[in-house]
PDB file of N, CA and C in Angstrom:
ATOM      1  N   MET A   1      16.989  17.259  -3.166  1.00  0.00           N
ATOM      2  CA  MET A   1      15.991  16.979  -2.163  1.00  0.00           C
ATOM      3  C   MET A   1      14.792  16.308  -2.819  1.00  0.00           C
ATOM      4  N   LYS A   2      14.077  15.560  -2.011  1.00  0.00           N
ATOM      5  CA  LYS A   2      12.902  14.855  -2.532  1.00  0.00           C
ATOM      6  C   LYS A   2      11.695  15.148  -1.652  1.00  0.00           C
ATOM      7  N   ILE A   3      10.534  14.742  -2.095  1.00  0.00           N
ATOM      8  CA  ILE A   3       9.290  14.986  -1.370  1.00  0.00           C
ATOM      9  C   ILE A   3       9.384  14.379   0.030  1.00  0.00           C
ATOM     10  N   GLY A   4       8.984  15.168   1.027  1.00  0.00           N
ATOM     11  CA  GLY A   4       9.019  14.726   2.412  1.00  0.00           C
ATOM     12  C   GLY A   4      10.256  15.155   3.165  1.00  0.00           C
ATOM     13  N   ASP A   5      11.300  15.611   2.464  1.00  0.00           N
ATOM     14  CA  ASP A   5      12.513  16.079   3.134  1.00  0.00           C
ATOM     15  C   ASP A   5      12.248  17.369   3.893  1.00  0.00           C
ATOM     16  N   LYS A   6      13.007  17.580   4.953  1.00  0.00           N
ATOM     17  CA  LYS A   6      12.910  18.793   5.755  1.00  0.00           C
ATOM     18  C   LYS A   6      14.058  19.727   5.383  1.00  0.00           C
ATOM     19  N   ALA A   7      13.796  21.025   5.476  1.00  0.00           N
ATOM     20  CA  ALA A   7      14.814  22.029   5.167  1.00  0.00           C
ATOM     21  C   ALA A   7      14.543  23.279   5.997  1.00  0.00           C
ATOM     22  N   ILE A   8      15.515  24.155   6.055  1.00  0.00           N
ATOM     23  CA  ILE A   8      15.352  25.464   6.678  1.00  0.00           C
ATOM     24  C   ILE A   8      15.234  26.468   5.547  1.00  0.00           C
ATOM     25  N   TRP A   9      14.204  27.309   5.621  1.00  0.00           N
ATOM     26  CA  TRP A   9      13.915  28.270   4.561  1.00  0.00           C
ATOM     27  C   TRP A   9      14.556  29.611   4.874  1.00  0.00           C
ATOM     28  N   ILE A  10      15.417  30.069   3.993  1.00  0.00           N
ATOM     29  CA  ILE A  10      16.054  31.380   4.076  1.00  0.00           C
ATOM     30  C   ILE A  10      15.615  32.169   2.842  1.00  0.00           C
ATOM     31  N   PRO A  11      14.482  32.909   2.925  1.00  0.00           N
ATOM     32  CA  PRO A  11      13.962  33.618   1.752  1.00  0.00           C
ATOM     33  C   PRO A  11      14.935  34.675   1.230  1.00  0.00           C
ATOM     34  N   VAL A  12      15.027  34.763  -0.088  1.00  0.00           N
ATOM     35  CA  VAL A  12      15.923  35.721  -0.747  1.00  0.00           C
ATOM     36  C   VAL A  12      15.091  36.615  -1.658  1.00  0.00           C
ATOM     37  N   ASN A  13      15.354  37.916  -1.619  1.00  0.00           N
ATOM     38  CA  ASN A  13      14.764  38.855  -2.564  1.00  0.00           C
ATOM     39  C   ASN A  13      15.745  38.936  -3.728  1.00  0.00           C
ATOM     40  N   PHE A  14      15.424  38.275  -4.824  1.00  0.00           N
ATOM     41  CA  PHE A  14      16.357  38.193  -5.940  1.00  0.00           C
ATOM     42  C   PHE A  14      16.508  39.522  -6.675  1.00  0.00           C
ATOM     43  N   ALA A  15      15.521  40.396  -6.604  1.00  0.00           N
ATOM     44  CA  ALA A  15      15.634  41.707  -7.240  1.00  0.00           C
ATOM     45  C   ALA A  15      16.689  42.555  -6.540  1.00  0.00           C
ATOM     46  N   LEU A  16      16.738  42.465  -5.210  1.00  0.00           N
ATOM     47  CA  LEU A  16      17.718  43.237  -4.431  1.00  0.00           C
ATOM     48  C   LEU A  16      18.966  42.434  -4.103  1.00  0.00           C
ATOM     49  N   ARG A  17      18.917  41.123  -4.387  1.00  0.00           N
ATOM     50  CA  ARG A  17      20.023  40.217  -4.071  1.00  0.00           C
ATOM     51  C   ARG A  17      20.368  40.245  -2.584  1.00  0.00           C
ATOM     52  N   MET A  18      19.308  40.149  -1.765  1.00  0.00           N
ATOM     53  CA  MET A  18      19.471  40.192  -0.316  1.00  0.00           C
ATOM     54  C   MET A  18      18.610  39.114   0.341  1.00  0.00           C
ATOM     55  N   VAL A  19      19.067  38.636   1.487  1.00  0.00           N
ATOM     56  CA  VAL A  19      18.261  37.734   2.306  1.00  0.00           C
ATOM     57  C   VAL A  19      17.200  38.566   2.999  1.00  0.00           C
ATOM     58  N   GLU A  20      15.962  38.075   3.002  1.00  0.00           N
ATOM     59  CA  GLU A  20      14.852  38.797   3.628  1.00  0.00           C
ATOM     60  C   GLU A  20      14.685  38.355   5.074  1.00  0.00           C
ATOM     61  N   LYS A  21      15.414  38.982   5.982  1.00  0.00           N
ATOM     62  CA  LYS A  21      15.353  38.614   7.399  1.00  0.00           C
ATOM     63  C   LYS A  21      14.042  39.033   8.042  1.00  0.00           C
ATOM     64  N   GLU A  22      13.295  39.939   7.416  1.00  0.00           N
ATOM     65  CA  GLU A  22      12.012  40.380   7.952  1.00  0.00           C
ATOM     66  C   GLU A  22      10.859  39.487   7.507  1.00  0.00           C
ATOM     67  N   HIS A  23      11.120  38.538   6.635  1.00  0.00           N
ATOM     68  CA  HIS A  23      10.084  37.634   6.142  1.00  0.00           C
ATOM     69  C   HIS A  23       9.505  36.855   7.329  1.00  0.00           C
ATOM     70  N   PRO A  24       8.186  36.717   7.418  1.00  0.00           N
ATOM     71  CA  PRO A  24       7.594  36.051   8.586  1.00  0.00           C
ATOM     72  C   PRO A  24       8.001  34.586   8.757  1.00  0.00           C
ATOM     73  N   HIS A  25       8.473  33.935   7.696  1.00  0.00           N
ATOM     74  CA  HIS A  25       8.861  32.530   7.790  1.00  0.00           C
ATOM     75  C   HIS A  25      10.374  32.335   7.657  1.00  0.00           C
ATOM     76  N   TYR A  26      11.145  33.389   7.879  1.00  0.00           N
ATOM     77  CA  TYR A  26      12.607  33.308   7.788  1.00  0.00           C
ATOM     78  C   TYR A  26      13.156  32.326   8.833  1.00  0.00           C
ATOM     79  N   GLY A  27      13.953  31.380   8.382  1.00  0.00           N
ATOM     80  CA  GLY A  27      14.616  30.435   9.275  1.00  0.00           C
ATOM     81  C   GLY A  27      13.732  29.327   9.814  1.00  0.00           C
ATOM     82  N   LYS A  28      12.536  29.170   9.285  1.00  0.00           N
ATOM     83  CA  LYS A  28      11.628  28.138   9.781  1.00  0.00           C
ATOM     84  C   LYS A  28      11.872  26.815   9.057  1.00  0.00           C
ATOM     85  N   VAL A  29      11.496  25.752   9.745  1.00  0.00           N
ATOM     86  CA  VAL A  29      11.606  24.414   9.172  1.00  0.00           C
ATOM     87  C   VAL A  29      10.420  24.192   8.234  1.00  0.00           C
ATOM     88  N   VAL A  30      10.715  23.701   7.045  1.00  0.00           N
ATOM     89  CA  VAL A  30       9.685  23.452   6.036  1.00  0.00           C
ATOM     90  C   VAL A  30       9.797  22.015   5.544  1.00  0.00           C
ATOM     91  N   THR A  31       8.720  21.549   4.902  1.00  0.00           N
ATOM     92  CA  THR A  31       8.692  20.223   4.299  1.00  0.00           C
ATOM     93  C   THR A  31       8.487  20.384   2.803  1.00  0.00           C
ATOM     94  N   ILE A  32       9.244  19.633   2.014  1.00  0.00           N
ATOM     95  CA  ILE A  32       9.086  19.642   0.563  1.00  0.00           C
ATOM     96  C   ILE A  32       7.819  18.866   0.232  1.00  0.00           C
ATOM     97  N   ILE A  33       6.862  19.521  -0.457  1.00  0.00           N
ATOM     98  CA  ILE A  33       5.621  18.824  -0.802  1.00  0.00           C
ATOM     99  C   ILE A  33       5.507  18.532  -2.297  1.00  0.00           C
ATOM    100  N   GLU A  34       6.310  19.205  -3.119  1.00  0.00           N
ATOM    101  CA  GLU A  34       6.395  18.887  -4.552  1.00  0.00           C
ATOM    102  C   GLU A  34       7.832  19.060  -4.980  1.00  0.00           C
ATOM    103  N   GLY A  35       8.267  18.201  -5.891  1.00  0.00           N
ATOM    104  CA  GLY A  35       9.643  18.216  -6.346  1.00  0.00           C
ATOM    105  C   GLY A  35       9.985  19.436  -7.172  1.00  0.00           C
ATOM    106  N   ILE A  36      11.206  19.483  -7.584  1.00  0.00           N
ATOM    107  CA  ILE A  36      11.759  20.615  -8.323  1.00  0.00           C
ATOM    108  C   ILE A  36      11.075  20.740  -9.689  1.00  0.00           C
ATOM    109  N   ASP A  37      10.804  21.976 -10.091  1.00  0.00           N
ATOM    110  CA  ASP A  37      10.218  22.213 -11.408  1.00  0.00           C
ATOM    111  C   ASP A  37      11.314  22.661 -12.374  1.00  0.00           C
ATOM    112  N   ARG A  38      10.946  23.019 -13.574  1.00  0.00           N
ATOM    113  CA  ARG A  38      11.955  23.373 -14.583  1.00  0.00           C
ATOM    114  C   ARG A  38      12.676  24.684 -14.281  1.00  0.00           C
ATOM    115  N   PHE A  39      12.163  25.474 -13.322  1.00  0.00           N
ATOM    116  CA  PHE A  39      12.819  26.722 -12.948  1.00  0.00           C
ATOM    117  C   PHE A  39      13.684  26.565 -11.698  1.00  0.00           C
ATOM    118  N   GLY A  40      13.799  25.368 -11.176  1.00  0.00           N
ATOM    119  CA  GLY A  40      14.627  25.121 -10.002  1.00  0.00           C
ATOM    120  C   GLY A  40      13.952  25.492  -8.694  1.00  0.00           C
ATOM    121  N   ARG A  41      12.619  25.390  -8.657  1.00  0.00           N
ATOM    122  CA  ARG A  41      11.876  25.743  -7.451  1.00  0.00           C
ATOM    123  C   ARG A  41      11.160  24.527  -6.881  1.00  0.00           C
ATOM    124  N   TYR A  42      10.944  24.569  -5.583  1.00  0.00           N
ATOM    125  CA  TYR A  42      10.189  23.538  -4.877  1.00  0.00           C
ATOM    126  C   TYR A  42       8.925  24.156  -4.311  1.00  0.00           C
ATOM    127  N   ARG A  43       7.878  23.349  -4.158  1.00  0.00           N
ATOM    128  CA  ARG A  43       6.698  23.777  -3.401  1.00  0.00           C
ATOM    129  C   ARG A  43       6.913  23.244  -1.995  1.00  0.00           C
ATOM    130  N   ILE A  44       6.754  24.125  -1.015  1.00  0.00           N
ATOM    131  CA  ILE A  44       7.038  23.778   0.374  1.00  0.00           C
ATOM    132  C   ILE A  44       5.849  24.137   1.263  1.00  0.00           C
ATOM    133  N   SER A  45       5.845  23.563   2.457  1.00  0.00           N
ATOM    134  CA  SER A  45       4.886  23.950   3.485  1.00  0.00           C
ATOM    135  C   SER A  45       5.660  24.196   4.774  1.00  0.00           C
ATOM    136  N   VAL A  46       5.264  25.228   5.503  1.00  0.00           N
ATOM    137  CA  VAL A  46       5.918  25.593   6.761  1.00  0.00           C
ATOM    138  C   VAL A  46       5.376  24.679   7.855  1.00  0.00           C
ATOM    139  N   ASP A  47       6.270  24.049   8.626  1.00  0.00           N
ATOM    140  CA  ASP A  47       5.849  23.066   9.622  1.00  0.00           C
ATOM    141  C   ASP A  47       5.043  23.674  10.765  1.00  0.00           C
ATOM    142  N   ASP A  48       5.404  24.867  11.236  1.00  0.00           N
ATOM    143  CA  ASP A  48       4.665  25.459  12.362  1.00  0.00           C
ATOM    144  C   ASP A  48       3.714  26.561  11.903  1.00  0.00           C
ATOM    145  N   PHE A  49       3.122  26.373  10.734  1.00  0.00           N
ATOM    146  CA  PHE A  49       2.144  27.329  10.200  1.00  0.00           C
ATOM    147  C   PHE A  49       0.923  27.336  11.116  1.00  0.00           C
ATOM    148  N   PRO A  50       0.361  28.513  11.419  1.00  0.00           N
ATOM    149  CA  PRO A  50      -0.783  28.559  12.342  1.00  0.00           C
ATOM    150  C   PRO A  50      -2.015  27.870  11.768  1.00  0.00           C
ATOM    151  N   ASN A  51      -2.835  27.334  12.664  1.00  0.00           N
ATOM    152  CA  ASN A  51      -4.093  26.712  12.245  1.00  0.00           C
ATOM    153  C   ASN A  51      -5.038  27.781  11.733  1.00  0.00           C
ATOM    154  N   CYS A  52      -5.643  27.517  10.594  1.00  0.00           N
ATOM    155  CA  CYS A  52      -6.584  28.463   9.997  1.00  0.00           C
ATOM    156  C   CYS A  52      -7.489  27.695   9.049  1.00  0.00           C
ATOM    157  N   ASN A  53      -8.504  28.360   8.558  1.00  0.00           N
ATOM    158  CA  ASN A  53      -9.393  27.737   7.583  1.00  0.00           C
ATOM    159  C   ASN A  53      -8.617  27.445   6.307  1.00  0.00           C
ATOM    160  N   SER A  54      -8.861  26.304   5.709  1.00  0.00           N
ATOM    161  CA  SER A  54      -8.212  25.883   4.459  1.00  0.00           C
ATOM    162  C   SER A  54      -6.692  25.885   4.577  1.00  0.00           C
ATOM    163  N   ARG A  55      -6.174  25.413   5.709  1.00  0.00           N
ATOM    164  CA  ARG A  55      -4.730  25.406   5.952  1.00  0.00           C
ATOM    165  C   ARG A  55      -3.976  24.638   4.872  1.00  0.00           C
ATOM    166  N   ASP A  56      -4.567  23.548   4.365  1.00  0.00           N
ATOM    167  CA  ASP A  56      -3.894  22.755   3.341  1.00  0.00           C
ATOM    168  C   ASP A  56      -3.704  23.509   2.034  1.00  0.00           C
ATOM    169  N   LYS A  57      -4.536  24.515   1.783  1.00  0.00           N
ATOM    170  CA  LYS A  57      -4.396  25.324   0.572  1.00  0.00           C
ATOM    171  C   LYS A  57      -3.573  26.586   0.806  1.00  0.00           C
ATOM    172  N   VAL A  58      -3.598  27.105   2.023  1.00  0.00           N
ATOM    173  CA  VAL A  58      -2.910  28.362   2.332  1.00  0.00           C
ATOM    174  C   VAL A  58      -1.431  28.123   2.622  1.00  0.00           C
ATOM    175  N   ASN A  59      -1.111  26.996   3.233  1.00  0.00           N
ATOM    176  CA  ASN A  59       0.270  26.701   3.628  1.00  0.00           C
ATOM    177  C   ASN A  59       1.026  26.053   2.475  1.00  0.00           C
ATOM    178  N   ARG A  60       1.141  26.773   1.367  1.00  0.00           N
ATOM    179  CA  ARG A  60       1.867  26.298   0.183  1.00  0.00           C
ATOM    180  C   ARG A  60       2.682  27.466  -0.360  1.00  0.00           C
ATOM    181  N   PHE A  61       3.974  27.306  -0.397  1.00  0.00           N
ATOM    182  CA  PHE A  61       4.868  28.370  -0.852  1.00  0.00           C
ATOM    183  C   PHE A  61       5.827  27.800  -1.892  1.00  0.00           C
ATOM    184  N   MET A  62       6.385  28.687  -2.700  1.00  0.00           N
ATOM    185  CA  MET A  62       7.417  28.304  -3.662  1.00  0.00           C
ATOM    186  C   MET A  62       8.745  28.832  -3.138  1.00  0.00           C
ATOM    187  N   ALA A  63       9.780  28.018  -3.251  1.00  0.00           N
ATOM    188  CA  ALA A  63      11.114  28.426  -2.825  1.00  0.00           C
ATOM    189  C   ALA A  63      12.121  27.920  -3.841  1.00  0.00           C
ATOM    190  N   ASP A  64      13.061  28.780  -4.165  1.00  0.00           N
ATOM    191  CA  ASP A  64      14.149  28.406  -5.053  1.00  0.00           C
ATOM    192  C   ASP A  64      15.066  27.444  -4.307  1.00  0.00           C
ATOM    193  N   GLU A  65      15.737  26.570  -5.033  1.00  0.00           N
ATOM    194  CA  GLU A  65      16.586  25.583  -4.367  1.00  0.00           C
ATOM    195  C   GLU A  65      17.741  26.211  -3.593  1.00  0.00           C
ATOM    196  N   VAL A  66      18.168  27.424  -3.936  1.00  0.00           N
ATOM    197  CA  VAL A  66      19.245  28.079  -3.182  1.00  0.00           C
ATOM    198  C   VAL A  66      18.747  28.668  -1.864  1.00  0.00           C
ATOM    199  N   GLU A  67      17.429  28.747  -1.668  1.00  0.00           N
ATOM    200  CA  GLU A  67      16.866  29.287  -0.435  1.00  0.00           C
ATOM    201  C   GLU A  67      16.660  28.225   0.638  1.00  0.00           C
ATOM    202  N   LEU A  68      16.888  26.963   0.304  1.00  0.00           N
ATOM    203  CA  LEU A  68      16.608  25.866   1.220  1.00  0.00           C
ATOM    204  C   LEU A  68      17.897  25.201   1.685  1.00  0.00           C
ATOM    205  N   LEU A  69      18.048  25.115   3.001  1.00  0.00           N
ATOM    206  CA  LEU A  69      19.180  24.413   3.602  1.00  0.00           C
ATOM    207  C   LEU A  69      18.662  23.066   4.087  1.00  0.00           C
ATOM    208  N   GLU A  70      19.095  22.004   3.437  1.00  0.00           N
ATOM    209  CA  GLU A  70      18.588  20.671   3.755  1.00  0.00           C
ATOM    210  C   GLU A  70      19.019  20.248   5.153  1.00  0.00           C
ATOM    211  N   ILE A  71      18.075  19.655   5.886  1.00  0.00           N
ATOM    212  CA  ILE A  71      18.356  19.120   7.206  1.00  0.00           C
ATOM    213  C   ILE A  71      18.669  17.644   7.028  1.00  0.00           C
ATOM    214  N   LYS A  72      19.852  17.261   7.403  1.00  0.00           N
ATOM    215  CA  LYS A  72      20.273  15.870   7.265  1.00  0.00           C
ATOM    216  C   LYS A  72      19.899  15.092   8.520  1.00  0.00           C
ATOM    217  N   ASN A  73      19.443  13.857   8.349  1.00  0.00           N
ATOM    218  CA  ASN A  73      19.183  12.981   9.488  1.00  0.00           C
ATOM    219  C   ASN A  73      20.496  12.383   9.924  1.00  0.00           C
ATOM    220  N   VAL A  74      20.866  12.653  11.162  1.00  0.00           N
ATOM    221  CA  VAL A  74      22.130  12.159  11.694  1.00  0.00           C
ATOM    222  C   VAL A  74      21.813  11.099  12.756  1.00  0.00           C
ATOM    223  N   ALA A  75      22.319   9.907  12.557  1.00  0.00           N
ATOM    224  CA  ALA A  75      22.094   8.826  13.523  1.00  0.00           C
ATOM    225  C   ALA A  75      22.986   9.040  14.746  1.00  0.00           C
ATOM    226  N   LYS A  76      22.386   8.862  15.932  1.00  0.00           N
ATOM    227  CA  LYS A  76      23.148   9.001  17.172  1.00  0.00           C
ATOM    228  C   LYS A  76      23.791   7.668  17.513  1.00  0.00           C
ATOM    229  N   ASN A  77      25.016   7.722  17.984  1.00  0.00           N
ATOM    230  CA  ASN A  77      25.739   6.503  18.370  1.00  0.00           C
ATOM    231  C   ASN A  77      25.536   6.199  19.824  1.00  0.00           C
TER     232      ASN A  77
END
């Protein structure tokens, strides 16, 4: 994935090896805002994050590449 791509975020608790279905952003559409780092993580922002003070600084999360399901652009015929 590259910067600007959309994905669905499925947070994983790696200590318990479980998907965190109670996570407030589980299954939400996110945008990649920084590319992959040396640990295999992306910096993402949640698309429907609520409006708040300093939203550009607060709406920044790290996600492992296995937690992101890439949304492919499919052309309609």
